[in-house]
Amino acid sequence: MNQMTVAGLVGRTLAQLGAAHAFGVVGSGNFHLTNALRENGVPFTAARHEGGAVTMADAYSRMSGLVSILTTHQGCGLTNAATGIGEAAKSRTPMIVLTADAAGSAVRSNFRIDQDGLARSLGAVPERVHSAQSAVADTVRAFRTAQNERRTVVLSVPLDVQAQPAPAETPDRVPPVAPTGFVRPSPVLVRGLAD
Protein backbone atom coordinates (compact mmCIF):
# COMPACT_ATOMS: atom_id res chain seq x y z
CA MET A 1 0.00 0.00 0.00
CA ASN A 2 1.37 3.40 -0.97
CA GLN A 3 1.85 5.90 1.80
CA MET A 4 0.02 9.18 1.39
CA THR A 5 2.15 12.15 0.39
CA VAL A 6 1.71 15.79 1.31
CA ALA A 7 0.02 16.36 -2.07
CA GLY A 8 -2.54 13.71 -1.16
CA LEU A 9 -2.97 15.15 2.31
CA VAL A 10 -3.58 18.67 0.98
CA GLY A 11 -6.18 17.41 -1.53
CA ARG A 12 -7.95 15.32 1.12
CA THR A 13 -7.96 18.20 3.59
CA LEU A 14 -9.45 20.64 1.07
CA ALA A 15 -12.13 18.10 0.15
CA GLN A 16 -13.03 17.48 3.80
CA LEU A 17 -13.24 21.22 4.46
CA GLY A 18 -15.79 21.61 1.67
CA ALA A 19 -13.94 22.68 -1.47
CA ALA A 20 -16.84 22.73 -3.89
CA HIS A 21 -15.31 22.44 -7.36
CA ALA A 22 -11.84 22.65 -8.91
CA PHE A 23 -10.87 24.18 -12.23
CA GLY A 24 -7.49 24.29 -13.90
CA VAL A 25 -4.87 23.24 -16.36
CA VAL A 26 -2.89 20.23 -15.18
CA GLY A 27 0.88 20.15 -15.54
CA SER A 28 3.63 18.14 -13.91
CA GLY A 29 3.71 20.45 -10.89
CA ASN A 30 0.03 20.24 -9.94
CA PHE A 31 -0.71 16.75 -11.25
CA HIS A 32 -0.65 15.05 -7.83
CA LEU A 33 -2.53 17.90 -6.12
CA THR A 34 -5.30 17.79 -8.72
CA ASN A 35 -5.56 14.01 -8.60
CA ALA A 36 -5.81 14.14 -4.80
CA LEU A 37 -8.73 16.58 -5.07
CA ARG A 38 -10.49 14.28 -7.55
CA GLU A 39 -9.80 11.12 -5.53
CA ASN A 40 -11.44 12.78 -2.54
CA GLY A 41 -14.61 13.76 -4.37
CA VAL A 42 -13.94 17.32 -5.55
CA PRO A 43 -15.28 17.68 -9.11
CA PHE A 44 -12.68 18.96 -11.59
CA THR A 45 -13.21 20.88 -14.82
CA ALA A 46 -10.21 21.14 -17.15
CA ALA A 47 -9.65 24.31 -19.14
CA ARG A 48 -7.51 25.07 -22.16
CA HIS A 49 -5.80 28.02 -20.47
CA GLU A 50 -5.37 29.18 -16.89
CA GLY A 51 -7.06 32.48 -17.76
CA GLY A 52 -10.25 30.58 -18.56
CA ALA A 53 -9.90 28.31 -15.54
CA VAL A 54 -9.60 31.21 -13.09
CA THR A 55 -12.66 32.88 -14.62
CA MET A 56 -14.64 29.66 -14.19
CA ALA A 57 -13.55 29.30 -10.55
CA ASP A 58 -14.32 32.95 -9.82
CA ALA A 59 -17.79 32.71 -11.40
CA TYR A 60 -18.52 29.44 -9.59
CA SER A 61 -17.73 30.93 -6.19
CA ARG A 62 -19.60 34.17 -6.88
CA MET A 63 -22.74 32.30 -7.92
CA SER A 64 -22.64 29.57 -5.26
CA GLY A 65 -21.02 31.39 -2.34
CA LEU A 66 -18.81 28.31 -1.89
CA VAL A 67 -15.02 28.06 -1.93
CA SER A 68 -13.74 26.97 -5.33
CA ILE A 69 -10.25 25.82 -6.27
CA LEU A 70 -8.09 26.96 -9.16
CA THR A 71 -5.19 24.56 -9.66
CA THR A 72 -2.10 25.65 -11.60
CA HIS A 73 1.42 24.63 -12.48
CA GLN A 74 4.17 26.61 -10.74
CA GLY A 75 5.53 29.78 -12.30
CA CYS A 76 4.07 30.20 -15.78
CA GLY A 77 0.81 28.42 -14.90
CA LEU A 78 0.27 30.85 -12.05
CA THR A 79 1.23 33.92 -14.09
CA ASN A 80 -1.16 32.87 -16.88
CA ALA A 81 -3.97 33.25 -14.33
CA ALA A 82 -2.76 36.56 -12.88
CA THR A 83 -5.41 38.83 -14.41
CA GLY A 84 -8.25 36.62 -13.20
CA ILE A 85 -6.69 36.21 -9.74
CA GLY A 86 -6.48 39.99 -9.44
CA GLU A 87 -10.14 40.36 -10.43
CA ALA A 88 -11.21 37.66 -7.96
CA ALA A 89 -9.15 39.22 -5.17
CA LYS A 90 -10.61 42.69 -5.73
CA SER A 91 -14.11 41.20 -5.77
CA ARG A 92 -13.52 39.30 -2.49
CA THR A 93 -14.16 35.94 -4.14
CA PRO A 94 -13.72 33.00 -1.71
CA MET A 95 -11.30 30.99 -3.81
CA ILE A 96 -8.10 29.03 -3.30
CA VAL A 97 -5.45 29.08 -5.99
CA LEU A 98 -3.76 25.74 -5.32
CA THR A 99 -0.45 26.04 -7.09
CA ALA A 100 2.75 24.10 -7.21
CA ASP A 101 5.97 25.96 -6.45
CA ALA A 102 9.58 25.28 -7.35
CA ALA A 103 11.46 23.20 -4.80
CA GLY A 104 13.47 25.21 -2.30
CA SER A 105 16.75 23.93 -3.72
CA ALA A 106 15.80 24.67 -7.35
CA VAL A 107 17.27 28.17 -7.31
CA ARG A 108 17.90 28.18 -11.08
CA SER A 109 14.59 26.67 -12.14
CA ASN A 110 12.86 28.34 -15.08
CA PHE A 111 9.65 28.00 -13.06
CA ARG A 112 10.93 29.86 -9.98
CA ILE A 113 9.20 33.18 -9.38
CA ASP A 114 8.27 35.03 -6.20
CA GLN A 115 4.79 33.52 -5.98
CA ASP A 116 4.05 35.11 -2.60
CA GLY A 117 5.06 38.53 -3.94
CA LEU A 118 2.94 38.00 -7.06
CA ALA A 119 -0.08 37.05 -4.93
CA ARG A 120 0.32 40.15 -2.75
CA SER A 121 0.70 42.40 -5.80
CA LEU A 122 -2.62 41.08 -7.14
CA GLY A 123 -4.44 41.67 -3.83
CA ALA A 124 -4.61 37.96 -2.96
CA VAL A 125 -3.48 36.41 0.32
CA PRO A 126 -0.27 34.39 -0.03
CA GLU A 127 -0.10 31.14 1.94
CA ARG A 128 2.11 28.11 1.61
CA VAL A 129 2.46 24.55 2.79
CA HIS A 130 5.77 24.63 4.65
CA SER A 131 6.31 20.97 5.58
CA ALA A 132 4.66 17.59 6.02
CA GLN A 133 4.15 18.36 9.70
CA SER A 134 2.37 21.67 9.03
CA ALA A 135 0.49 20.63 5.86
CA VAL A 136 -2.94 20.19 7.46
CA ALA A 137 -2.68 23.37 9.55
CA ASP A 138 -1.40 25.38 6.57
CA THR A 139 -4.26 24.12 4.37
CA VAL A 140 -6.91 24.75 7.03
CA ARG A 141 -5.59 28.30 7.55
CA ALA A 142 -5.84 29.00 3.81
CA PHE A 143 -9.37 27.58 3.59
CA ARG A 144 -10.52 29.50 6.68
CA THR A 145 -9.23 32.76 5.20
CA ALA A 146 -10.95 32.11 1.86
CA GLN A 147 -14.26 31.11 3.42
CA ASN A 148 -14.59 33.37 6.44
CA GLU A 149 -12.86 36.49 5.14
CA ARG A 150 -14.10 36.03 1.56
CA ARG A 151 -10.59 36.29 0.18
CA THR A 152 -8.72 34.81 -2.74
CA VAL A 153 -5.83 32.81 -1.31
CA VAL A 154 -2.80 31.60 -3.28
CA LEU A 155 -1.70 28.38 -1.56
CA SER A 156 1.74 27.40 -2.85
CA VAL A 157 2.92 23.82 -2.37
CA PRO A 158 6.60 23.36 -3.30
CA LEU A 159 7.40 20.24 -5.29
CA ASP A 160 9.81 18.88 -2.68
CA VAL A 161 7.18 19.33 0.05
CA GLN A 162 4.44 17.72 -2.11
CA ALA A 163 6.52 14.56 -2.38
CA GLN A 164 7.17 14.18 1.37
CA PRO A 165 5.30 11.35 3.11
CA ALA A 166 2.37 12.47 5.24
CA PRO A 167 3.07 12.13 8.96
CA ALA A 168 1.95 8.80 10.40
CA GLU A 169 -0.01 10.52 13.18
CA THR A 170 -2.17 12.52 10.76
CA PRO A 171 -5.87 12.15 11.71
CA ASP A 172 -8.23 10.68 9.12
CA ARG A 173 -10.54 13.71 9.28
CA VAL A 174 -10.10 17.41 9.89
CA PRO A 175 -12.67 19.34 11.90
CA PRO A 176 -14.89 21.55 9.73
CA VAL A 177 -14.21 25.26 9.48
CA ALA A 178 -17.27 27.00 10.84
CA PRO A 179 -18.44 29.76 8.51
CA THR A 180 -18.73 33.17 10.14
CA GLY A 181 -21.29 34.51 7.67
CA PHE A 182 -21.02 37.38 5.29
CA VAL A 183 -18.57 40.20 5.84
CA ARG A 184 -20.45 43.20 7.16
CA PRO A 185 -19.12 46.76 6.94
CA SER A 186 -18.44 48.68 10.11
CA PRO A 187 -21.42 50.83 11.21
CA VAL A 188 -19.04 53.77 11.55
CA LEU A 189 -17.96 53.42 7.92
CA VAL A 190 -21.56 53.10 6.75
CA ARG A 191 -22.50 56.33 8.58
CA GLY A 192 -19.47 58.06 7.09
CA LEU A 193 -20.46 56.94 3.60
CA ALA A 194 -24.06 58.05 4.14
CA ASP A 195 -22.90 61.48 5.35
C-alpha atoms as a PDB file:
ATOM      1  CA  MET A   1       0.000   0.000   0.000  1.00  0.00           C
ATOM      2  CA  ASN A   2       1.371   3.403  -0.970  1.00  0.00           C
ATOM      3  CA  GLN A   3       1.851   5.902   1.805  1.00  0.00           C
ATOM      4  CA  MET A   4       0.015   9.183   1.392  1.00  0.00           C
ATOM      5  CA  THR A   5       2.152  12.149   0.389  1.00  0.00           C
ATOM      6  CA  VAL A   6       1.705  15.788   1.313  1.00  0.00           C
ATOM      7  CA  ALA A   7       0.018  16.362  -2.072  1.00  0.00           C
ATOM      8  CA  GLY A   8      -2.543  13.708  -1.159  1.00  0.00           C
ATOM      9  CA  LEU A   9      -2.970  15.151   2.310  1.00  0.00           C
ATOM     10  CA  VAL A  10      -3.582  18.675   0.975  1.00  0.00           C
ATOM     11  CA  GLY A  11      -6.177  17.407  -1.528  1.00  0.00           C
ATOM     12  CA  ARG A  12      -7.949  15.318   1.117  1.00  0.00           C
ATOM     13  CA  THR A  13      -7.960  18.204   3.594  1.00  0.00           C
ATOM     14  CA  LEU A  14      -9.455  20.642   1.070  1.00  0.00           C
ATOM     15  CA  ALA A  15     -12.132  18.098   0.150  1.00  0.00           C
ATOM     16  CA  GLN A  16     -13.033  17.477   3.798  1.00  0.00           C
ATOM     17  CA  LEU A  17     -13.240  21.217   4.456  1.00  0.00           C
ATOM     18  CA  GLY A  18     -15.788  21.613   1.665  1.00  0.00           C
ATOM     19  CA  ALA A  19     -13.939  22.681  -1.467  1.00  0.00           C
ATOM     20  CA  ALA A  20     -16.842  22.729  -3.892  1.00  0.00           C
ATOM     21  CA  HIS A  21     -15.307  22.439  -7.357  1.00  0.00           C
ATOM     22  CA  ALA A  22     -11.845  22.655  -8.907  1.00  0.00           C
ATOM     23  CA  PHE A  23     -10.875  24.177 -12.234  1.00  0.00           C
ATOM     24  CA  GLY A  24      -7.494  24.293 -13.902  1.00  0.00           C
ATOM     25  CA  VAL A  25      -4.867  23.239 -16.357  1.00  0.00           C
ATOM     26  CA  VAL A  26      -2.888  20.226 -15.175  1.00  0.00           C
ATOM     27  CA  GLY A  27       0.878  20.147 -15.543  1.00  0.00           C
ATOM     28  CA  SER A  28       3.634  18.136 -13.915  1.00  0.00           C
ATOM     29  CA  GLY A  29       3.707  20.450 -10.893  1.00  0.00           C
ATOM     30  CA  ASN A  30       0.031  20.240  -9.937  1.00  0.00           C
ATOM     31  CA  PHE A  31      -0.712  16.747 -11.248  1.00  0.00           C
ATOM     32  CA  HIS A  32      -0.647  15.048  -7.833  1.00  0.00           C
ATOM     33  CA  LEU A  33      -2.532  17.896  -6.124  1.00  0.00           C
ATOM     34  CA  THR A  34      -5.304  17.791  -8.724  1.00  0.00           C
ATOM     35  CA  ASN A  35      -5.561  14.008  -8.600  1.00  0.00           C
ATOM     36  CA  ALA A  36      -5.812  14.145  -4.799  1.00  0.00           C
ATOM     37  CA  LEU A  37      -8.730  16.577  -5.068  1.00  0.00           C
ATOM     38  CA  ARG A  38     -10.489  14.282  -7.554  1.00  0.00           C
ATOM     39  CA  GLU A  39      -9.804  11.119  -5.530  1.00  0.00           C
ATOM     40  CA  ASN A  40     -11.436  12.781  -2.536  1.00  0.00           C
ATOM     41  CA  GLY A  41     -14.609  13.763  -4.372  1.00  0.00           C
ATOM     42  CA  VAL A  42     -13.944  17.320  -5.546  1.00  0.00           C
ATOM     43  CA  PRO A  43     -15.278  17.680  -9.113  1.00  0.00           C
ATOM     44  CA  PHE A  44     -12.678  18.962 -11.589  1.00  0.00           C
ATOM     45  CA  THR A  45     -13.205  20.878 -14.815  1.00  0.00           C
ATOM     46  CA  ALA A  46     -10.214  21.138 -17.150  1.00  0.00           C
ATOM     47  CA  ALA A  47      -9.652  24.312 -19.138  1.00  0.00           C
ATOM     48  CA  ARG A  48      -7.507  25.066 -22.165  1.00  0.00           C
ATOM     49  CA  HIS A  49      -5.799  28.023 -20.474  1.00  0.00           C
ATOM     50  CA  GLU A  50      -5.367  29.177 -16.888  1.00  0.00           C
ATOM     51  CA  GLY A  51      -7.062  32.480 -17.759  1.00  0.00           C
ATOM     52  CA  GLY A  52     -10.255  30.579 -18.559  1.00  0.00           C
ATOM     53  CA  ALA A  53      -9.903  28.312 -15.536  1.00  0.00           C
ATOM     54  CA  VAL A  54      -9.605  31.214 -13.086  1.00  0.00           C
ATOM     55  CA  THR A  55     -12.659  32.882 -14.619  1.00  0.00           C
ATOM     56  CA  MET A  56     -14.640  29.658 -14.193  1.00  0.00           C
ATOM     57  CA  ALA A  57     -13.547  29.300 -10.550  1.00  0.00           C
ATOM     58  CA  ASP A  58     -14.323  32.951  -9.820  1.00  0.00           C
ATOM     59  CA  ALA A  59     -17.787  32.709 -11.399  1.00  0.00           C
ATOM     60  CA  TYR A  60     -18.518  29.436  -9.591  1.00  0.00           C
ATOM     61  CA  SER A  61     -17.732  30.931  -6.187  1.00  0.00           C
ATOM     62  CA  ARG A  62     -19.596  34.174  -6.881  1.00  0.00           C
ATOM     63  CA  MET A  63     -22.737  32.301  -7.915  1.00  0.00           C
ATOM     64  CA  SER A  64     -22.643  29.573  -5.258  1.00  0.00           C
ATOM     65  CA  GLY A  65     -21.021  31.386  -2.337  1.00  0.00           C
ATOM     66  CA  LEU A  66     -18.807  28.307  -1.888  1.00  0.00           C
ATOM     67  CA  VAL A  67     -15.017  28.063  -1.929  1.00  0.00           C
ATOM     68  CA  SER A  68     -13.742  26.967  -5.331  1.00  0.00           C
ATOM     69  CA  ILE A  69     -10.252  25.815  -6.271  1.00  0.00           C
ATOM     70  CA  LEU A  70      -8.091  26.962  -9.165  1.00  0.00           C
ATOM     71  CA  THR A  71      -5.187  24.559  -9.659  1.00  0.00           C
ATOM     72  CA  THR A  72      -2.103  25.654 -11.601  1.00  0.00           C
ATOM     73  CA  HIS A  73       1.424  24.633 -12.477  1.00  0.00           C
ATOM     74  CA  GLN A  74       4.167  26.609 -10.737  1.00  0.00           C
ATOM     75  CA  GLY A  75       5.531  29.776 -12.300  1.00  0.00           C
ATOM     76  CA  CYS A  76       4.065  30.204 -15.776  1.00  0.00           C
ATOM     77  CA  GLY A  77       0.812  28.420 -14.902  1.00  0.00           C
ATOM     78  CA  LEU A  78       0.269  30.848 -12.054  1.00  0.00           C
ATOM     79  CA  THR A  79       1.234  33.917 -14.093  1.00  0.00           C
ATOM     80  CA  ASN A  80      -1.157  32.870 -16.876  1.00  0.00           C
ATOM     81  CA  ALA A  81      -3.973  33.254 -14.331  1.00  0.00           C
ATOM     82  CA  ALA A  82      -2.757  36.564 -12.878  1.00  0.00           C
ATOM     83  CA  THR A  83      -5.409  38.833 -14.414  1.00  0.00           C
ATOM     84  CA  GLY A  84      -8.245  36.622 -13.197  1.00  0.00           C
ATOM     85  CA  ILE A  85      -6.692  36.212  -9.743  1.00  0.00           C
ATOM     86  CA  GLY A  86      -6.477  39.990  -9.440  1.00  0.00           C
ATOM     87  CA  GLU A  87     -10.135  40.357 -10.428  1.00  0.00           C
ATOM     88  CA  ALA A  88     -11.214  37.663  -7.956  1.00  0.00           C
ATOM     89  CA  ALA A  89      -9.152  39.225  -5.170  1.00  0.00           C
ATOM     90  CA  LYS A  90     -10.610  42.690  -5.733  1.00  0.00           C
ATOM     91  CA  SER A  91     -14.111  41.197  -5.765  1.00  0.00           C
ATOM     92  CA  ARG A  92     -13.516  39.298  -2.491  1.00  0.00           C
ATOM     93  CA  THR A  93     -14.157  35.936  -4.136  1.00  0.00           C
ATOM     94  CA  PRO A  94     -13.717  33.004  -1.713  1.00  0.00           C
ATOM     95  CA  MET A  95     -11.297  30.992  -3.813  1.00  0.00           C
ATOM     96  CA  ILE A  96      -8.103  29.026  -3.302  1.00  0.00           C
ATOM     97  CA  VAL A  97      -5.452  29.083  -5.988  1.00  0.00           C
ATOM     98  CA  LEU A  98      -3.757  25.745  -5.321  1.00  0.00           C
ATOM     99  CA  THR A  99      -0.455  26.041  -7.093  1.00  0.00           C
ATOM    100  CA  ALA A 100       2.746  24.098  -7.212  1.00  0.00           C
ATOM    101  CA  ASP A 101       5.967  25.957  -6.452  1.00  0.00           C
ATOM    102  CA  ALA A 102       9.579  25.280  -7.345  1.00  0.00           C
ATOM    103  CA  ALA A 103      11.461  23.196  -4.801  1.00  0.00           C
ATOM    104  CA  GLY A 104      13.468  25.206  -2.303  1.00  0.00           C
ATOM    105  CA  SER A 105      16.746  23.931  -3.715  1.00  0.00           C
ATOM    106  CA  ALA A 106      15.798  24.673  -7.351  1.00  0.00           C
ATOM    107  CA  VAL A 107      17.265  28.167  -7.314  1.00  0.00           C
ATOM    108  CA  ARG A 108      17.901  28.175 -11.081  1.00  0.00           C
ATOM    109  CA  SER A 109      14.593  26.666 -12.142  1.00  0.00           C
ATOM    110  CA  ASN A 110      12.863  28.339 -15.082  1.00  0.00           C
ATOM    111  CA  PHE A 111       9.647  27.995 -13.060  1.00  0.00           C
ATOM    112  CA  ARG A 112      10.929  29.865  -9.984  1.00  0.00           C
ATOM    113  CA  ILE A 113       9.199  33.176  -9.376  1.00  0.00           C
ATOM    114  CA  ASP A 114       8.274  35.035  -6.195  1.00  0.00           C
ATOM    115  CA  GLN A 115       4.792  33.516  -5.977  1.00  0.00           C
ATOM    116  CA  ASP A 116       4.053  35.110  -2.597  1.00  0.00           C
ATOM    117  CA  GLY A 117       5.056  38.533  -3.940  1.00  0.00           C
ATOM    118  CA  LEU A 118       2.941  37.998  -7.057  1.00  0.00           C
ATOM    119  CA  ALA A 119      -0.079  37.047  -4.932  1.00  0.00           C
ATOM    120  CA  ARG A 120       0.325  40.148  -2.750  1.00  0.00           C
ATOM    121  CA  SER A 121       0.703  42.402  -5.801  1.00  0.00           C
ATOM    122  CA  LEU A 122      -2.623  41.078  -7.138  1.00  0.00           C
ATOM    123  CA  GLY A 123      -4.439  41.671  -3.831  1.00  0.00           C
ATOM    124  CA  ALA A 124      -4.614  37.961  -2.964  1.00  0.00           C
ATOM    125  CA  VAL A 125      -3.483  36.414   0.320  1.00  0.00           C
ATOM    126  CA  PRO A 126      -0.273  34.388  -0.035  1.00  0.00           C
ATOM    127  CA  GLU A 127      -0.104  31.143   1.944  1.00  0.00           C
ATOM    128  CA  ARG A 128       2.113  28.111   1.611  1.00  0.00           C
ATOM    129  CA  VAL A 129       2.465  24.554   2.791  1.00  0.00           C
ATOM    130  CA  HIS A 130       5.773  24.632   4.650  1.00  0.00           C
ATOM    131  CA  SER A 131       6.310  20.974   5.577  1.00  0.00           C
ATOM    132  CA  ALA A 132       4.657  17.595   6.015  1.00  0.00           C
ATOM    133  CA  GLN A 133       4.151  18.361   9.704  1.00  0.00           C
ATOM    134  CA  SER A 134       2.371  21.668   9.034  1.00  0.00           C
ATOM    135  CA  ALA A 135       0.488  20.634   5.855  1.00  0.00           C
ATOM    136  CA  VAL A 136      -2.944  20.192   7.457  1.00  0.00           C
ATOM    137  CA  ALA A 137      -2.683  23.371   9.552  1.00  0.00           C
ATOM    138  CA  ASP A 138      -1.399  25.383   6.566  1.00  0.00           C
ATOM    139  CA  THR A 139      -4.260  24.124   4.372  1.00  0.00           C
ATOM    140  CA  VAL A 140      -6.911  24.755   7.033  1.00  0.00           C
ATOM    141  CA  ARG A 141      -5.590  28.298   7.550  1.00  0.00           C
ATOM    142  CA  ALA A 142      -5.836  29.005   3.807  1.00  0.00           C
ATOM    143  CA  PHE A 143      -9.367  27.585   3.592  1.00  0.00           C
ATOM    144  CA  ARG A 144     -10.525  29.500   6.685  1.00  0.00           C
ATOM    145  CA  THR A 145      -9.235  32.760   5.196  1.00  0.00           C
ATOM    146  CA  ALA A 146     -10.950  32.105   1.859  1.00  0.00           C
ATOM    147  CA  GLN A 147     -14.259  31.112   3.423  1.00  0.00           C
ATOM    148  CA  ASN A 148     -14.587  33.375   6.437  1.00  0.00           C
ATOM    149  CA  GLU A 149     -12.860  36.493   5.139  1.00  0.00           C
ATOM    150  CA  ARG A 150     -14.101  36.034   1.559  1.00  0.00           C
ATOM    151  CA  ARG A 151     -10.588  36.292   0.182  1.00  0.00           C
ATOM    152  CA  THR A 152      -8.725  34.814  -2.741  1.00  0.00           C
ATOM    153  CA  VAL A 153      -5.830  32.813  -1.308  1.00  0.00           C
ATOM    154  CA  VAL A 154      -2.803  31.603  -3.275  1.00  0.00           C
ATOM    155  CA  LEU A 155      -1.704  28.380  -1.558  1.00  0.00           C
ATOM    156  CA  SER A 156       1.738  27.401  -2.850  1.00  0.00           C
ATOM    157  CA  VAL A 157       2.918  23.820  -2.369  1.00  0.00           C
ATOM    158  CA  PRO A 158       6.599  23.364  -3.299  1.00  0.00           C
ATOM    159  CA  LEU A 159       7.397  20.237  -5.293  1.00  0.00           C
ATOM    160  CA  ASP A 160       9.812  18.880  -2.684  1.00  0.00           C
ATOM    161  CA  VAL A 161       7.184  19.326   0.047  1.00  0.00           C
ATOM    162  CA  GLN A 162       4.443  17.723  -2.110  1.00  0.00           C
ATOM    163  CA  ALA A 163       6.523  14.555  -2.382  1.00  0.00           C
ATOM    164  CA  GLN A 164       7.166  14.180   1.366  1.00  0.00           C
ATOM    165  CA  PRO A 165       5.301  11.350   3.109  1.00  0.00           C
ATOM    166  CA  ALA A 166       2.370  12.469   5.237  1.00  0.00           C
ATOM    167  CA  PRO A 167       3.074  12.134   8.962  1.00  0.00           C
ATOM    168  CA  ALA A 168       1.951   8.798  10.405  1.00  0.00           C
ATOM    169  CA  GLU A 169      -0.006  10.523  13.182  1.00  0.00           C
ATOM    170  CA  THR A 170      -2.172  12.522  10.758  1.00  0.00           C
ATOM    171  CA  PRO A 171      -5.868  12.146  11.714  1.00  0.00           C
ATOM    172  CA  ASP A 172      -8.229  10.684   9.118  1.00  0.00           C
ATOM    173  CA  ARG A 173     -10.538  13.711   9.279  1.00  0.00           C
ATOM    174  CA  VAL A 174     -10.096  17.412   9.894  1.00  0.00           C
ATOM    175  CA  PRO A 175     -12.669  19.340  11.899  1.00  0.00           C
ATOM    176  CA  PRO A 176     -14.887  21.551   9.730  1.00  0.00           C
ATOM    177  CA  VAL A 177     -14.209  25.258   9.481  1.00  0.00           C
ATOM    178  CA  ALA A 178     -17.275  26.998  10.836  1.00  0.00           C
ATOM    179  CA  PRO A 179     -18.444  29.765   8.512  1.00  0.00           C
ATOM    180  CA  THR A 180     -18.731  33.165  10.139  1.00  0.00           C
ATOM    181  CA  GLY A 181     -21.288  34.508   7.672  1.00  0.00           C
ATOM    182  CA  PHE A 182     -21.024  37.380   5.286  1.00  0.00           C
ATOM    183  CA  VAL A 183     -18.574  40.196   5.843  1.00  0.00           C
ATOM    184  CA  ARG A 184     -20.448  43.199   7.156  1.00  0.00           C
ATOM    185  CA  PRO A 185     -19.121  46.761   6.943  1.00  0.00           C
ATOM    186  CA  SER A 186     -18.443  48.681  10.108  1.00  0.00           C
ATOM    187  CA  PRO A 187     -21.424  50.828  11.210  1.00  0.00           C
ATOM    188  CA  VAL A 188     -19.037  53.774  11.553  1.00  0.00           C
ATOM    189  CA  LEU A 189     -17.955  53.423   7.924  1.00  0.00           C
ATOM    190  CA  VAL A 190     -21.560  53.105   6.747  1.00  0.00           C
ATOM    191  CA  ARG A 191     -22.505  56.330   8.579  1.00  0.00           C
ATOM    192  CA  GLY A 192     -19.474  58.063   7.086  1.00  0.00           C
ATOM    193  CA  LEU A 193     -20.458  56.937   3.596  1.00  0.00           C
ATOM    194  CA  ALA A 194     -24.061  58.054   4.144  1.00  0.00           C
ATOM    195  CA  ASP A 195     -22.896  61.476   5.354  1.00  0.00           C
END
